[in-house]
Amino acid sequence: MPPLGAADLLEIHGLLARFGHAFDSGDAEGMGRVLTADAVVEGVIGSGYTIAGLEAARRFTRDRQVDTPDHNTVAVLAFVDADGVVRARSRYIAPLVDGGVHSGDFFDILRRTPDGWRIAYRISVPRKPTLEITPPPPDFFKAWRPRPGDLGLPRR
């Protein structure tokens, strides 16, 4: 797959923003505009969780707690890795109902569908405050460290 073009990057930025809008608004049907039918969404807080498939994500969105923080997606980096997988890494800032702030990283695998870009895999990993988590294996994060050629930049 060639490097992502400007139109792809713009659509991917919008996609990642729409995920937060759909989830935070309890828009279960809107999850179909951001996830593939076979998407997997994981979280690592505590013992972690896995949501497998669009219908499970819709149920999770409908059942979310009222005090779930709002997710503001920032610092998006999207690229095609050496194996042709489209990945995105972004940060989230999530204001809490008590006035505190929670932040972390989203690690996504994206897929172009006939209806546009969708998230096929997402894992949320908190950064601050420090929480008890079940972290992914250390090698997991290497896949989201692009090399210059992955970003369409010349390799050195």
N, C-alpha and C. Protein backbone atom coordinates (compact mmCIF):
# COMPACT_ATOMS: atom_id res chain seq x y z
N MET A 1 0.85 -1.18 0.00
CA MET A 1 0.00 0.00 0.00
C MET A 1 0.89 1.24 0.00
N PRO A 2 0.60 2.22 -0.83
CA PRO A 2 1.40 3.45 -0.85
C PRO A 2 1.16 4.27 0.41
N PRO A 3 2.01 5.27 0.66
CA PRO A 3 1.78 6.15 1.82
C PRO A 3 0.39 6.78 1.73
N LEU A 4 -0.12 7.17 2.87
CA LEU A 4 -1.43 7.81 2.92
C LEU A 4 -1.36 9.20 2.32
N GLY A 5 -2.36 9.55 1.53
CA GLY A 5 -2.44 10.88 0.94
C GLY A 5 -3.16 11.84 1.88
N ALA A 6 -3.18 13.09 1.49
CA ALA A 6 -3.81 14.13 2.31
C ALA A 6 -5.28 13.84 2.55
N ALA A 7 -5.99 13.35 1.53
CA ALA A 7 -7.42 13.06 1.70
C ALA A 7 -7.62 11.92 2.70
N ASP A 8 -6.74 10.89 2.64
CA ASP A 8 -6.82 9.79 3.61
C ASP A 8 -6.59 10.30 5.02
N LEU A 9 -5.55 11.11 5.19
CA LEU A 9 -5.21 11.62 6.52
C LEU A 9 -6.33 12.49 7.08
N LEU A 10 -6.93 13.30 6.25
CA LEU A 10 -8.04 14.13 6.70
C LEU A 10 -9.22 13.26 7.14
N GLU A 11 -9.53 12.25 6.34
CA GLU A 11 -10.64 11.35 6.69
C GLU A 11 -10.34 10.59 7.97
N ILE A 12 -9.09 10.14 8.15
CA ILE A 12 -8.71 9.40 9.35
C ILE A 12 -8.81 10.28 10.59
N HIS A 13 -8.37 11.54 10.49
CA HIS A 13 -8.50 12.46 11.62
C HIS A 13 -9.98 12.61 12.00
N GLY A 14 -10.82 12.77 11.00
CA GLY A 14 -12.26 12.89 11.26
C GLY A 14 -12.83 11.62 11.88
N LEU A 15 -12.39 10.48 11.39
CA LEU A 15 -12.84 9.19 11.93
C LEU A 15 -12.53 9.08 13.41
N LEU A 16 -11.29 9.39 13.79
CA LEU A 16 -10.89 9.25 15.18
C LEU A 16 -11.66 10.24 16.06
N ALA A 17 -11.95 11.43 15.55
CA ALA A 17 -12.77 12.38 16.31
C ALA A 17 -14.21 11.87 16.45
N ARG A 18 -14.75 11.30 15.37
CA ARG A 18 -16.14 10.80 15.40
C ARG A 18 -16.31 9.67 16.41
N PHE A 19 -15.27 8.85 16.62
CA PHE A 19 -15.37 7.78 17.61
C PHE A 19 -15.74 8.38 18.97
N GLY A 20 -14.98 9.40 19.40
CA GLY A 20 -15.27 10.03 20.69
C GLY A 20 -16.65 10.64 20.74
N HIS A 21 -17.05 11.31 19.66
CA HIS A 21 -18.38 11.93 19.62
C HIS A 21 -19.47 10.86 19.73
N ALA A 22 -19.34 9.78 18.99
CA ALA A 22 -20.37 8.73 19.02
C ALA A 22 -20.43 8.08 20.40
N PHE A 23 -19.28 7.67 20.92
CA PHE A 23 -19.28 6.98 22.21
C PHE A 23 -19.74 7.91 23.33
N ASP A 24 -19.17 9.10 23.40
CA ASP A 24 -19.49 10.01 24.50
C ASP A 24 -20.94 10.47 24.47
N SER A 25 -21.56 10.47 23.30
CA SER A 25 -22.96 10.87 23.16
C SER A 25 -23.91 9.69 23.31
N GLY A 26 -23.38 8.49 23.51
CA GLY A 26 -24.22 7.31 23.62
C GLY A 26 -24.88 6.95 22.30
N ASP A 27 -24.26 7.37 21.19
CA ASP A 27 -24.81 7.13 19.85
C ASP A 27 -24.40 5.74 19.36
N ALA A 28 -25.12 4.74 19.82
CA ALA A 28 -24.79 3.35 19.49
C ALA A 28 -24.82 3.11 17.98
N GLU A 29 -25.79 3.70 17.29
CA GLU A 29 -25.86 3.50 15.84
C GLU A 29 -24.69 4.18 15.15
N GLY A 30 -24.21 5.29 15.70
CA GLY A 30 -23.07 5.99 15.13
C GLY A 30 -21.79 5.18 15.17
N MET A 31 -21.73 4.18 16.01
CA MET A 31 -20.53 3.33 16.07
C MET A 31 -20.32 2.62 14.73
N GLY A 32 -21.39 2.41 13.97
CA GLY A 32 -21.28 1.79 12.65
C GLY A 32 -20.57 2.69 11.64
N ARG A 33 -20.48 3.97 11.94
CA ARG A 33 -19.76 4.90 11.07
C ARG A 33 -18.29 5.03 11.45
N VAL A 34 -17.89 4.34 12.53
CA VAL A 34 -16.49 4.43 12.94
C VAL A 34 -15.80 3.08 13.08
N LEU A 35 -16.56 2.01 13.23
CA LEU A 35 -15.97 0.68 13.42
C LEU A 35 -16.33 -0.25 12.27
N THR A 36 -15.44 -1.20 11.99
CA THR A 36 -15.77 -2.28 11.06
C THR A 36 -16.71 -3.25 11.79
N ALA A 37 -17.40 -4.08 11.04
CA ALA A 37 -18.33 -5.05 11.64
C ALA A 37 -17.60 -6.01 12.58
N ASP A 38 -16.33 -6.31 12.28
CA ASP A 38 -15.57 -7.26 13.09
C ASP A 38 -14.56 -6.57 14.02
N ALA A 39 -14.77 -5.30 14.28
CA ALA A 39 -13.83 -4.52 15.10
C ALA A 39 -13.65 -5.13 16.48
N VAL A 40 -12.46 -4.92 17.02
CA VAL A 40 -12.15 -5.30 18.40
C VAL A 40 -11.67 -4.03 19.10
N VAL A 41 -12.29 -3.73 20.24
CA VAL A 41 -11.91 -2.58 21.05
C VAL A 41 -11.51 -3.12 22.41
N GLU A 42 -10.32 -2.73 22.86
CA GLU A 42 -9.82 -3.22 24.14
C GLU A 42 -9.44 -2.06 25.05
N GLY A 43 -9.50 -2.32 26.34
CA GLY A 43 -9.02 -1.39 27.35
C GLY A 43 -8.18 -2.17 28.33
N VAL A 44 -7.26 -1.50 29.00
CA VAL A 44 -6.33 -2.20 29.88
C VAL A 44 -6.46 -1.80 31.35
N ILE A 45 -7.39 -0.90 31.68
CA ILE A 45 -7.55 -0.50 33.08
C ILE A 45 -8.02 -1.70 33.89
N GLY A 46 -7.43 -1.89 35.05
CA GLY A 46 -7.76 -3.03 35.90
C GLY A 46 -7.39 -4.32 35.20
N SER A 47 -8.33 -5.25 35.15
CA SER A 47 -8.06 -6.52 34.48
C SER A 47 -8.30 -6.43 32.98
N GLY A 48 -8.74 -5.25 32.50
CA GLY A 48 -8.92 -5.05 31.06
C GLY A 48 -10.28 -5.53 30.59
N TYR A 49 -10.56 -5.22 29.34
CA TYR A 49 -11.79 -5.67 28.72
C TYR A 49 -11.57 -5.78 27.21
N THR A 50 -12.39 -6.59 26.57
CA THR A 50 -12.38 -6.73 25.12
C THR A 50 -13.82 -6.68 24.63
N ILE A 51 -14.05 -5.83 23.64
CA ILE A 51 -15.36 -5.73 23.00
C ILE A 51 -15.14 -6.23 21.58
N ALA A 52 -15.77 -7.34 21.24
CA ALA A 52 -15.56 -7.97 19.94
C ALA A 52 -16.79 -7.80 19.06
N GLY A 53 -16.63 -7.03 17.99
CA GLY A 53 -17.70 -6.87 17.01
C GLY A 53 -18.50 -5.59 17.21
N LEU A 54 -19.08 -5.14 16.12
CA LEU A 54 -19.85 -3.90 16.10
C LEU A 54 -21.06 -3.96 17.02
N GLU A 55 -21.78 -5.06 17.03
CA GLU A 55 -22.98 -5.14 17.88
C GLU A 55 -22.61 -5.06 19.35
N ALA A 56 -21.50 -5.68 19.75
CA ALA A 56 -21.04 -5.59 21.14
C ALA A 56 -20.64 -4.15 21.47
N ALA A 57 -20.01 -3.46 20.51
CA ALA A 57 -19.63 -2.06 20.72
C ALA A 57 -20.87 -1.19 20.87
N ARG A 58 -21.89 -1.49 20.10
CA ARG A 58 -23.14 -0.72 20.24
C ARG A 58 -23.76 -0.93 21.62
N ARG A 59 -23.77 -2.18 22.10
CA ARG A 59 -24.30 -2.46 23.44
C ARG A 59 -23.47 -1.72 24.50
N PHE A 60 -22.15 -1.78 24.37
CA PHE A 60 -21.25 -1.12 25.32
C PHE A 60 -21.52 0.39 25.33
N THR A 61 -21.74 0.97 24.17
CA THR A 61 -22.03 2.40 24.06
C THR A 61 -23.36 2.75 24.69
N ARG A 62 -24.38 1.92 24.44
CA ARG A 62 -25.70 2.16 25.04
C ARG A 62 -25.64 2.07 26.57
N ASP A 63 -24.81 1.15 27.08
CA ASP A 63 -24.75 0.86 28.51
C ASP A 63 -23.71 1.68 29.27
N ARG A 64 -23.04 2.59 28.58
CA ARG A 64 -21.97 3.35 29.24
C ARG A 64 -22.53 4.10 30.44
N GLN A 65 -21.69 4.32 31.41
CA GLN A 65 -22.09 5.03 32.63
C GLN A 65 -22.24 6.52 32.36
N VAL A 66 -23.13 7.15 33.08
CA VAL A 66 -23.38 8.58 32.92
C VAL A 66 -22.12 9.39 33.19
N ASP A 67 -21.27 8.94 34.11
CA ASP A 67 -20.07 9.69 34.46
C ASP A 67 -18.86 9.31 33.61
N THR A 68 -19.08 8.62 32.50
CA THR A 68 -17.97 8.29 31.60
C THR A 68 -17.37 9.60 31.09
N PRO A 69 -16.04 9.72 31.14
CA PRO A 69 -15.43 10.98 30.69
C PRO A 69 -15.59 11.20 29.19
N ASP A 70 -15.60 12.47 28.80
CA ASP A 70 -15.60 12.83 27.38
C ASP A 70 -14.18 12.63 26.83
N HIS A 71 -14.09 12.12 25.62
CA HIS A 71 -12.79 11.83 25.01
C HIS A 71 -12.48 12.86 23.92
N ASN A 72 -11.41 13.60 24.10
CA ASN A 72 -10.94 14.57 23.11
C ASN A 72 -9.69 13.99 22.49
N THR A 73 -9.74 13.70 21.21
CA THR A 73 -8.63 13.05 20.50
C THR A 73 -7.70 14.11 19.94
N VAL A 74 -6.41 13.98 20.25
CA VAL A 74 -5.39 14.94 19.81
C VAL A 74 -4.15 14.19 19.33
N ALA A 75 -3.26 14.92 18.68
CA ALA A 75 -1.93 14.42 18.31
C ALA A 75 -2.00 13.11 17.52
N VAL A 76 -2.77 13.12 16.45
CA VAL A 76 -2.96 11.92 15.62
C VAL A 76 -1.75 11.71 14.71
N LEU A 77 -1.26 10.50 14.70
CA LEU A 77 -0.20 10.09 13.79
C LEU A 77 -0.71 8.84 13.07
N ALA A 78 -0.86 8.91 11.76
CA ALA A 78 -1.36 7.77 10.97
C ALA A 78 -0.34 7.45 9.90
N PHE A 79 -0.13 6.16 9.65
CA PHE A 79 0.87 5.73 8.68
C PHE A 79 0.60 4.31 8.22
N VAL A 80 1.24 3.95 7.13
CA VAL A 80 1.20 2.59 6.61
C VAL A 80 2.53 1.95 7.01
N ASP A 81 2.46 0.84 7.75
CA ASP A 81 3.71 0.21 8.19
C ASP A 81 4.33 -0.63 7.07
N ALA A 82 5.48 -1.21 7.35
CA ALA A 82 6.23 -1.97 6.34
C ALA A 82 5.44 -3.16 5.81
N ASP A 83 4.45 -3.64 6.59
CA ASP A 83 3.63 -4.77 6.16
C ASP A 83 2.35 -4.34 5.46
N GLY A 84 2.18 -3.03 5.25
CA GLY A 84 0.99 -2.53 4.58
C GLY A 84 -0.20 -2.32 5.49
N VAL A 85 -0.01 -2.41 6.80
CA VAL A 85 -1.09 -2.20 7.77
C VAL A 85 -1.19 -0.70 8.06
N VAL A 86 -2.40 -0.16 8.00
CA VAL A 86 -2.61 1.24 8.31
C VAL A 86 -2.85 1.36 9.81
N ARG A 87 -1.98 2.11 10.46
CA ARG A 87 -2.05 2.28 11.91
C ARG A 87 -2.20 3.75 12.26
N ALA A 88 -2.81 4.00 13.39
CA ALA A 88 -2.89 5.36 13.93
C ALA A 88 -2.60 5.28 15.42
N ARG A 89 -1.90 6.28 15.88
CA ARG A 89 -1.68 6.45 17.30
C ARG A 89 -2.10 7.87 17.62
N SER A 90 -2.90 8.01 18.65
CA SER A 90 -3.36 9.34 19.05
C SER A 90 -3.42 9.40 20.57
N ARG A 91 -3.49 10.60 21.04
CA ARG A 91 -3.64 10.82 22.48
C ARG A 91 -5.08 11.23 22.74
N TYR A 92 -5.55 10.91 23.94
CA TYR A 92 -6.85 11.42 24.35
C TYR A 92 -6.69 12.18 25.66
N ILE A 93 -7.49 13.20 25.79
CA ILE A 93 -7.62 13.96 27.03
C ILE A 93 -9.09 13.84 27.40
N ALA A 94 -9.35 13.39 28.61
CA ALA A 94 -10.72 13.10 29.00
C ALA A 94 -11.07 13.80 30.31
N PRO A 95 -11.81 14.91 30.24
CA PRO A 95 -12.26 15.57 31.47
C PRO A 95 -13.23 14.67 32.23
N LEU A 96 -13.06 14.62 33.53
CA LEU A 96 -13.91 13.80 34.40
C LEU A 96 -15.00 14.68 35.02
N VAL A 97 -16.07 14.08 35.49
CA VAL A 97 -17.17 14.84 36.06
C VAL A 97 -16.76 15.59 37.32
N ASP A 98 -15.72 15.12 38.02
CA ASP A 98 -15.27 15.80 39.24
C ASP A 98 -14.28 16.92 38.95
N GLY A 99 -14.02 17.20 37.66
CA GLY A 99 -13.09 18.26 37.28
C GLY A 99 -11.68 17.78 37.02
N GLY A 100 -11.40 16.53 37.34
CA GLY A 100 -10.09 15.97 37.06
C GLY A 100 -9.93 15.67 35.57
N VAL A 101 -8.75 15.25 35.21
CA VAL A 101 -8.47 14.93 33.81
C VAL A 101 -7.75 13.59 33.74
N HIS A 102 -8.13 12.82 32.77
CA HIS A 102 -7.53 11.51 32.50
C HIS A 102 -6.95 11.60 31.09
N SER A 103 -5.78 11.04 30.87
CA SER A 103 -5.22 11.07 29.51
C SER A 103 -4.58 9.73 29.19
N GLY A 104 -4.39 9.50 27.90
CA GLY A 104 -3.78 8.24 27.48
C GLY A 104 -3.61 8.20 25.98
N ASP A 105 -3.34 7.00 25.49
CA ASP A 105 -3.11 6.78 24.07
C ASP A 105 -4.13 5.81 23.51
N PHE A 106 -4.53 6.06 22.27
CA PHE A 106 -5.29 5.10 21.47
C PHE A 106 -4.33 4.54 20.43
N PHE A 107 -4.31 3.24 20.28
CA PHE A 107 -3.54 2.55 19.25
C PHE A 107 -4.56 1.87 18.35
N ASP A 108 -4.60 2.28 17.07
CA ASP A 108 -5.63 1.79 16.15
C ASP A 108 -5.02 1.10 14.93
N ILE A 109 -5.75 0.11 14.43
CA ILE A 109 -5.52 -0.44 13.10
C ILE A 109 -6.75 -0.06 12.30
N LEU A 110 -6.51 0.54 11.15
CA LEU A 110 -7.58 1.09 10.33
C LEU A 110 -7.74 0.31 9.04
N ARG A 111 -8.96 0.30 8.53
CA ARG A 111 -9.24 -0.39 7.28
C ARG A 111 -10.09 0.51 6.40
N ARG A 112 -9.72 0.61 5.14
CA ARG A 112 -10.55 1.35 4.18
C ARG A 112 -11.67 0.41 3.73
N THR A 113 -12.90 0.88 3.84
CA THR A 113 -14.06 0.10 3.44
C THR A 113 -14.77 0.85 2.31
N PRO A 114 -15.76 0.24 1.67
CA PRO A 114 -16.52 0.96 0.65
C PRO A 114 -17.17 2.24 1.19
N ASP A 115 -17.39 2.30 2.51
CA ASP A 115 -18.01 3.47 3.14
C ASP A 115 -16.99 4.43 3.75
N GLY A 116 -15.71 4.19 3.50
CA GLY A 116 -14.67 5.06 4.06
C GLY A 116 -13.82 4.33 5.09
N TRP A 117 -12.92 5.06 5.71
CA TRP A 117 -12.03 4.49 6.71
C TRP A 117 -12.81 4.12 7.97
N ARG A 118 -12.45 2.97 8.56
CA ARG A 118 -13.06 2.50 9.80
C ARG A 118 -11.97 1.94 10.71
N ILE A 119 -12.25 1.92 12.00
CA ILE A 119 -11.36 1.32 12.99
C ILE A 119 -11.65 -0.17 13.04
N ALA A 120 -10.62 -0.98 12.80
CA ALA A 120 -10.76 -2.44 12.89
C ALA A 120 -10.27 -2.95 14.25
N TYR A 121 -9.34 -2.20 14.86
CA TYR A 121 -8.81 -2.57 16.17
C TYR A 121 -8.44 -1.30 16.91
N ARG A 122 -8.79 -1.25 18.18
CA ARG A 122 -8.41 -0.11 19.03
C ARG A 122 -8.11 -0.63 20.42
N ILE A 123 -7.02 -0.13 20.98
CA ILE A 123 -6.75 -0.38 22.38
C ILE A 123 -6.45 0.97 23.03
N SER A 124 -7.02 1.17 24.20
CA SER A 124 -6.87 2.40 24.96
C SER A 124 -5.93 2.10 26.13
N VAL A 125 -4.86 2.91 26.23
CA VAL A 125 -3.87 2.72 27.29
C VAL A 125 -3.72 4.04 28.04
N PRO A 126 -4.12 4.09 29.33
CA PRO A 126 -4.02 5.33 30.08
C PRO A 126 -2.58 5.74 30.36
N ARG A 127 -2.36 7.06 30.46
CA ARG A 127 -1.05 7.61 30.81
C ARG A 127 -1.10 8.26 32.19
N LYS A 128 -2.02 9.22 32.35
CA LYS A 128 -2.14 9.98 33.60
C LYS A 128 -3.60 10.04 33.99
N PRO A 129 -3.97 9.91 35.24
CA PRO A 129 -3.11 9.52 36.34
C PRO A 129 -2.68 8.08 36.19
N THR A 130 -1.67 7.71 36.94
CA THR A 130 -1.20 6.32 36.90
C THR A 130 -2.29 5.44 37.50
N LEU A 131 -2.73 4.47 36.72
CA LEU A 131 -3.78 3.55 37.16
C LEU A 131 -3.25 2.13 37.12
N GLU A 132 -3.89 1.26 37.86
CA GLU A 132 -3.54 -0.16 37.77
C GLU A 132 -4.07 -0.68 36.45
N ILE A 133 -3.17 -1.27 35.65
CA ILE A 133 -3.56 -1.76 34.33
C ILE A 133 -3.00 -3.15 34.10
N THR A 134 -3.53 -3.80 33.10
CA THR A 134 -2.98 -5.04 32.57
C THR A 134 -2.40 -4.66 31.21
N PRO A 135 -1.10 -4.33 31.19
CA PRO A 135 -0.53 -3.76 29.96
C PRO A 135 -0.37 -4.78 28.84
N PRO A 136 -0.38 -4.27 27.60
CA PRO A 136 -0.04 -5.15 26.47
C PRO A 136 1.42 -5.57 26.61
N PRO A 137 1.83 -6.61 25.90
CA PRO A 137 3.23 -7.01 25.95
C PRO A 137 4.13 -5.87 25.47
N PRO A 138 5.36 -5.76 26.01
CA PRO A 138 6.24 -4.65 25.62
C PRO A 138 6.46 -4.53 24.11
N ASP A 139 6.53 -5.62 23.39
CA ASP A 139 6.75 -5.57 21.94
C ASP A 139 5.56 -4.98 21.19
N PHE A 140 4.39 -4.96 21.81
CA PHE A 140 3.18 -4.44 21.18
C PHE A 140 3.40 -3.03 20.64
N PHE A 141 4.03 -2.16 21.42
CA PHE A 141 4.15 -0.75 21.07
C PHE A 141 5.09 -0.49 19.90
N LYS A 142 5.98 -1.43 19.60
CA LYS A 142 6.91 -1.24 18.48
C LYS A 142 6.18 -1.02 17.16
N ALA A 143 5.06 -1.68 16.97
CA ALA A 143 4.31 -1.56 15.71
C ALA A 143 3.76 -0.16 15.49
N TRP A 144 3.62 0.62 16.56
CA TRP A 144 3.09 1.98 16.43
C TRP A 144 4.19 3.03 16.49
N ARG A 145 5.43 2.63 16.25
CA ARG A 145 6.55 3.56 16.13
C ARG A 145 6.96 3.60 14.67
N PRO A 146 6.43 4.54 13.92
CA PRO A 146 6.73 4.56 12.48
C PRO A 146 8.18 4.90 12.20
N ARG A 147 8.65 4.35 11.10
CA ARG A 147 9.97 4.71 10.58
C ARG A 147 9.75 5.84 9.58
N PRO A 148 10.78 6.61 9.26
CA PRO A 148 10.59 7.73 8.32
C PRO A 148 9.89 7.32 7.03
N GLY A 149 10.21 6.17 6.47
CA GLY A 149 9.58 5.74 5.23
C GLY A 149 8.10 5.43 5.38
N ASP A 150 7.67 5.08 6.60
CA ASP A 150 6.26 4.80 6.84
C ASP A 150 5.41 6.06 6.74
N LEU A 151 6.01 7.20 6.95
CA LEU A 151 5.29 8.47 6.94
C LEU A 151 5.39 9.18 5.59
N GLY A 152 5.92 8.47 4.59
CA GLY A 152 6.08 9.08 3.27
C GLY A 152 7.29 9.99 3.21
N LEU A 153 8.15 9.94 4.21
CA LEU A 153 9.38 10.74 4.25
C LEU A 153 10.53 9.90 3.74
N PRO A 154 11.57 10.50 3.20
CA PRO A 154 12.70 9.71 2.71
C PRO A 154 13.41 9.00 3.86
N ARG A 155 13.81 7.78 3.59
CA ARG A 155 14.57 7.01 4.60
C ARG A 155 16.01 7.51 4.59
N ARG A 156 16.63 7.48 5.73
CA ARG A 156 18.04 7.91 5.83
C ARG A 156 18.92 6.72 6.02
